[in-house]
N, C-alpha and C. Protein backbone atom coordinates (compact mmCIF):
# COMPACT_ATOMS: atom_id res chain seq x y z
N MET A 1 -46.94 -13.36 28.39
CA MET A 1 -47.63 -12.36 27.16
C MET A 1 -46.54 -11.28 26.87
N GLU A 2 -47.04 -11.29 25.43
CA GLU A 2 -46.37 -9.94 24.72
C GLU A 2 -47.57 -8.77 24.75
N LYS A 3 -46.95 -7.49 24.94
CA LYS A 3 -47.66 -6.47 24.38
C LYS A 3 -47.05 -5.77 23.21
N ARG A 4 -48.04 -5.60 22.41
CA ARG A 4 -47.26 -4.89 21.08
C ARG A 4 -47.32 -3.42 21.18
N GLY A 5 -46.23 -2.83 20.81
CA GLY A 5 -46.57 -1.39 20.40
C GLY A 5 -45.86 -0.61 21.72
N GLU A 6 -45.26 -1.11 22.61
CA GLU A 6 -45.07 -0.31 23.73
C GLU A 6 -43.59 -0.85 24.43
N ALA A 7 -42.64 0.01 24.28
CA ALA A 7 -41.50 -0.48 24.95
C ALA A 7 -41.31 -0.86 26.37
N SER A 8 -40.74 -1.94 26.66
CA SER A 8 -40.85 -2.25 28.21
C SER A 8 -39.63 -1.51 29.05
N SER A 9 -38.79 -0.95 28.11
CA SER A 9 -37.85 -0.06 29.05
C SER A 9 -38.35 1.22 29.35
N ASN A 10 -39.75 1.73 29.19
CA ASN A 10 -40.41 2.86 29.75
C ASN A 10 -40.91 2.66 31.18
N VAL A 11 -40.79 1.22 31.71
CA VAL A 11 -41.18 1.08 33.01
C VAL A 11 -40.32 0.96 34.00
N SER A 12 -40.45 1.47 35.20
CA SER A 12 -39.35 1.24 36.11
C SER A 12 -39.22 -0.29 36.65
N THR A 13 -38.26 -0.68 37.22
CA THR A 13 -38.15 -2.02 37.93
C THR A 13 -39.22 -1.95 38.98
N GLU A 14 -39.18 -1.20 39.77
CA GLU A 14 -40.03 -0.91 40.82
C GLU A 14 -41.63 -1.07 40.55
N LYS A 15 -41.87 -0.53 39.55
CA LYS A 15 -43.27 -0.68 38.96
C LYS A 15 -43.79 -1.79 38.55
N VAL A 16 -42.77 -2.60 37.83
CA VAL A 16 -43.08 -3.85 37.23
C VAL A 16 -43.25 -4.92 38.64
N LYS A 17 -42.12 -4.67 39.57
CA LYS A 17 -42.45 -5.66 40.56
C LYS A 17 -43.71 -5.36 41.31
N ALA A 18 -44.15 -4.06 41.46
CA ALA A 18 -45.49 -3.81 42.21
C ALA A 18 -46.91 -4.41 41.47
N LEU A 19 -46.59 -4.29 39.98
CA LEU A 19 -47.41 -4.93 39.21
C LEU A 19 -47.58 -6.41 39.35
N GLU A 20 -46.55 -7.14 39.41
CA GLU A 20 -46.44 -8.29 39.54
C GLU A 20 -46.90 -9.12 40.78
N ARG A 21 -46.59 -8.19 41.62
CA ARG A 21 -47.10 -8.61 43.11
C ARG A 21 -48.66 -8.45 43.33
N ARG A 22 -49.24 -7.49 42.55
CA ARG A 22 -50.58 -7.19 42.60
C ARG A 22 -51.36 -8.32 41.79
N LEU A 23 -50.66 -8.82 40.55
CA LEU A 23 -51.28 -9.77 39.74
C LEU A 23 -51.32 -11.24 40.59
N ILE A 24 -50.25 -11.46 41.22
CA ILE A 24 -50.38 -12.46 42.12
C ILE A 24 -51.28 -12.55 43.32
N LEU A 25 -51.12 -11.50 44.13
CA LEU A 25 -51.97 -11.29 45.31
C LEU A 25 -53.49 -11.14 45.10
N GLU A 26 -53.63 -10.30 44.27
CA GLU A 26 -55.15 -9.93 43.92
C GLU A 26 -55.48 -10.89 43.00
N GLY A 27 -54.97 -11.13 41.77
CA GLY A 27 -55.61 -11.98 40.46
C GLY A 27 -55.67 -13.43 41.11
N PHE A 28 -54.58 -14.07 41.34
CA PHE A 28 -54.51 -15.38 41.87
C PHE A 28 -54.89 -15.70 43.02
N GLY A 29 -54.43 -14.68 44.20
CA GLY A 29 -54.83 -15.09 45.67
C GLY A 29 -56.30 -14.63 45.92
N LYS A 30 -56.83 -13.62 45.25
CA LYS A 30 -58.32 -13.10 45.68
C LYS A 30 -59.30 -13.47 44.53
N GLY A 31 -58.80 -13.66 43.07
CA GLY A 31 -59.51 -13.92 42.13
C GLY A 31 -60.11 -12.49 41.70
N ASN A 32 -59.26 -11.27 41.83
CA ASN A 32 -59.75 -10.13 41.59
C ASN A 32 -59.25 -9.95 39.98
N THR A 33 -60.05 -10.18 39.10
CA THR A 33 -59.68 -10.13 37.58
C THR A 33 -59.61 -8.83 37.17
N ALA A 34 -60.13 -7.67 37.94
CA ALA A 34 -59.62 -6.27 37.62
C ALA A 34 -58.15 -6.15 37.55
N ALA A 35 -57.49 -6.48 38.80
CA ALA A 35 -56.25 -6.54 38.72
C ALA A 35 -55.52 -6.78 37.30
N LEU A 36 -55.91 -7.58 36.58
CA LEU A 36 -55.18 -8.20 35.39
C LEU A 36 -55.24 -6.79 34.34
N GLU A 37 -56.26 -6.06 34.31
CA GLU A 37 -56.59 -4.99 33.46
C GLU A 37 -55.53 -4.02 33.53
N GLU A 38 -54.87 -3.78 34.68
CA GLU A 38 -53.70 -2.82 34.80
C GLU A 38 -52.43 -3.46 34.03
N GLY A 39 -52.00 -4.58 34.31
CA GLY A 39 -51.07 -5.15 33.77
C GLY A 39 -51.01 -5.82 32.40
N ILE A 40 -52.20 -6.04 31.92
CA ILE A 40 -52.26 -6.67 30.60
C ILE A 40 -53.30 -6.21 29.68
N GLY A 41 -52.30 -5.40 28.73
CA GLY A 41 -53.21 -4.72 27.54
C GLY A 41 -54.21 -5.59 26.69
N SER A 42 -55.14 -4.83 26.18
CA SER A 42 -56.43 -5.51 25.64
C SER A 42 -55.78 -6.05 24.49
N ASP A 43 -54.79 -5.50 23.89
CA ASP A 43 -54.13 -6.11 22.72
C ASP A 43 -52.98 -7.22 22.89
N ALA A 44 -52.76 -7.68 24.08
CA ALA A 44 -51.86 -8.71 24.59
C ALA A 44 -52.01 -10.19 23.83
N ILE A 45 -51.12 -10.88 23.59
CA ILE A 45 -51.30 -12.20 23.20
C ILE A 45 -50.64 -13.10 24.04
N ASP A 46 -51.34 -13.91 24.54
CA ASP A 46 -51.12 -15.05 25.58
C ASP A 46 -50.74 -16.45 24.71
N ASN A 47 -49.64 -16.88 24.38
CA ASN A 47 -49.58 -18.11 23.89
C ASN A 47 -49.33 -19.22 24.71
N SER A 48 -49.59 -19.08 26.22
CA SER A 48 -49.40 -20.14 26.97
C SER A 48 -50.92 -20.55 27.53
N VAL A 49 -52.00 -19.99 27.20
CA VAL A 49 -53.34 -20.25 27.81
C VAL A 49 -53.80 -21.76 27.27
N PRO A 50 -54.36 -22.43 28.23
CA PRO A 50 -54.60 -23.90 28.00
C PRO A 50 -55.73 -23.87 27.04
N PRO A 51 -55.83 -25.11 26.26
CA PRO A 51 -56.68 -25.29 24.98
C PRO A 51 -58.11 -24.79 25.50
N GLY A 52 -58.94 -24.12 24.60
CA GLY A 52 -60.19 -24.07 24.92
C GLY A 52 -60.56 -22.68 25.46
N MET A 53 -59.40 -22.05 25.94
CA MET A 53 -59.53 -20.66 26.41
C MET A 53 -59.50 -19.46 25.54
N SER A 54 -59.97 -18.27 25.84
CA SER A 54 -59.63 -17.36 24.94
C SER A 54 -58.27 -16.65 24.90
N PRO A 55 -57.79 -16.30 23.76
CA PRO A 55 -56.47 -15.56 23.94
C PRO A 55 -56.43 -14.33 24.55
N GLY A 56 -55.46 -13.68 24.88
CA GLY A 56 -55.20 -12.36 25.57
C GLY A 56 -55.90 -12.13 26.78
N LEU A 57 -56.14 -11.05 27.24
CA LEU A 57 -56.84 -10.70 28.65
C LEU A 57 -58.10 -11.66 28.84
N ALA A 58 -58.85 -11.90 27.97
CA ALA A 58 -60.05 -12.58 28.35
C ALA A 58 -59.56 -14.05 28.77
N GLY A 59 -58.74 -14.34 27.95
CA GLY A 59 -58.24 -15.62 28.66
C GLY A 59 -57.35 -16.01 29.86
N ALA A 60 -56.67 -14.71 29.99
CA ALA A 60 -56.06 -14.64 31.54
C ALA A 60 -57.23 -14.80 32.46
N LYS A 61 -58.19 -13.94 32.17
CA LYS A 61 -59.33 -13.95 33.26
C LYS A 61 -59.81 -15.16 33.54
N GLU A 62 -60.12 -16.03 32.37
CA GLU A 62 -60.83 -17.45 32.26
C GLU A 62 -59.90 -18.13 33.37
N PHE A 63 -58.65 -18.14 32.86
CA PHE A 63 -57.68 -18.99 33.56
C PHE A 63 -57.45 -18.88 35.16
N ILE A 64 -57.54 -17.66 35.52
CA ILE A 64 -57.68 -17.25 36.87
C ILE A 64 -58.84 -17.82 37.70
N MET A 65 -60.08 -17.54 37.02
CA MET A 65 -61.29 -18.09 37.42
C MET A 65 -61.37 -19.62 37.50
N ALA A 66 -61.00 -20.22 36.43
CA ALA A 66 -60.67 -21.79 36.68
C ALA A 66 -59.86 -22.16 37.83
N PHE A 67 -58.68 -21.40 37.98
CA PHE A 67 -57.65 -21.82 38.93
C PHE A 67 -58.27 -21.49 40.28
N ARG A 68 -59.07 -20.60 40.57
CA ARG A 68 -59.51 -20.13 41.72
C ARG A 68 -60.72 -21.44 42.02
N SER A 69 -61.26 -21.55 41.03
CA SER A 69 -62.49 -22.72 41.16
C SER A 69 -61.74 -23.99 41.88
N ALA A 70 -60.63 -24.34 41.19
CA ALA A 70 -60.04 -25.71 41.45
C ALA A 70 -59.12 -25.55 42.93
N PHE A 71 -58.85 -24.19 43.13
CA PHE A 71 -57.95 -24.13 44.51
C PHE A 71 -58.76 -22.97 45.19
N PRO A 72 -59.87 -23.01 45.64
CA PRO A 72 -60.52 -21.84 46.35
C PRO A 72 -59.81 -21.47 47.59
N ASP A 73 -59.06 -22.35 48.28
CA ASP A 73 -58.33 -22.04 49.63
C ASP A 73 -56.89 -21.55 49.47
N LEU A 74 -56.54 -21.75 48.15
CA LEU A 74 -55.09 -21.24 48.19
C LEU A 74 -54.84 -19.72 48.45
N SER A 75 -53.56 -19.46 49.08
CA SER A 75 -53.14 -18.21 49.32
C SER A 75 -52.00 -17.88 48.86
N TYR A 76 -51.54 -16.81 48.88
CA TYR A 76 -49.91 -16.50 48.44
C TYR A 76 -49.42 -15.49 49.33
N THR A 77 -48.03 -15.64 49.48
CA THR A 77 -47.40 -14.86 50.34
C THR A 77 -45.81 -14.74 49.36
N ILE A 78 -45.59 -13.31 49.52
CA ILE A 78 -44.48 -12.92 48.41
C ILE A 78 -43.46 -12.77 49.81
N SER A 79 -42.40 -13.36 49.79
CA SER A 79 -41.63 -13.13 50.98
C SER A 79 -40.20 -12.23 50.34
N ASP A 80 -39.85 -12.42 49.23
CA ASP A 80 -38.85 -11.90 48.70
C ASP A 80 -39.19 -11.74 46.95
N ALA A 81 -38.91 -10.70 46.52
CA ALA A 81 -39.10 -10.39 45.28
C ALA A 81 -37.59 -10.45 44.56
N GLY A 82 -37.51 -11.17 43.37
CA GLY A 82 -36.26 -11.27 42.80
C GLY A 82 -35.81 -9.93 42.15
N GLN A 83 -34.43 -9.75 42.09
CA GLN A 83 -33.55 -8.72 41.57
C GLN A 83 -33.52 -8.68 40.14
N THR A 84 -34.02 -7.87 39.46
CA THR A 84 -34.23 -7.65 38.04
C THR A 84 -33.08 -6.62 37.48
N GLY A 85 -32.58 -6.87 36.29
CA GLY A 85 -31.64 -5.75 35.84
C GLY A 85 -30.69 -6.40 34.89
N SER A 86 -29.84 -5.77 34.57
CA SER A 86 -28.88 -6.12 33.51
C SER A 86 -27.27 -6.33 33.91
N SER A 87 -27.09 -6.75 35.18
CA SER A 87 -25.69 -6.96 35.67
C SER A 87 -25.35 -8.22 34.93
N ARG A 88 -23.98 -8.30 34.62
CA ARG A 88 -23.47 -9.44 34.01
C ARG A 88 -22.08 -9.58 34.60
N GLU A 89 -21.73 -10.89 34.69
CA GLU A 89 -20.32 -11.23 35.04
C GLU A 89 -19.63 -11.75 34.00
N ALA A 90 -18.19 -11.34 33.74
CA ALA A 90 -17.45 -11.96 32.77
C ALA A 90 -16.85 -13.32 33.16
């Protein structure tokens, strides 16, 4: 998803990791769509939603609810969060 108007460099790597963890564990893992509101702006554009779903935050909520309906017993465990940054080898 893209978020208009806000530079991503203003958010720390640890904050992004915590938000991603919450979206996965709470949103997909428990169906808590309120967790999405923390990380997805109301003006977000999601170009990957399946056909027939609303764009933006509403579509993300619809997708999670459909996903949870299809896989109600699914659970997530995050054992290692990837390293992000701008390190580069020559």
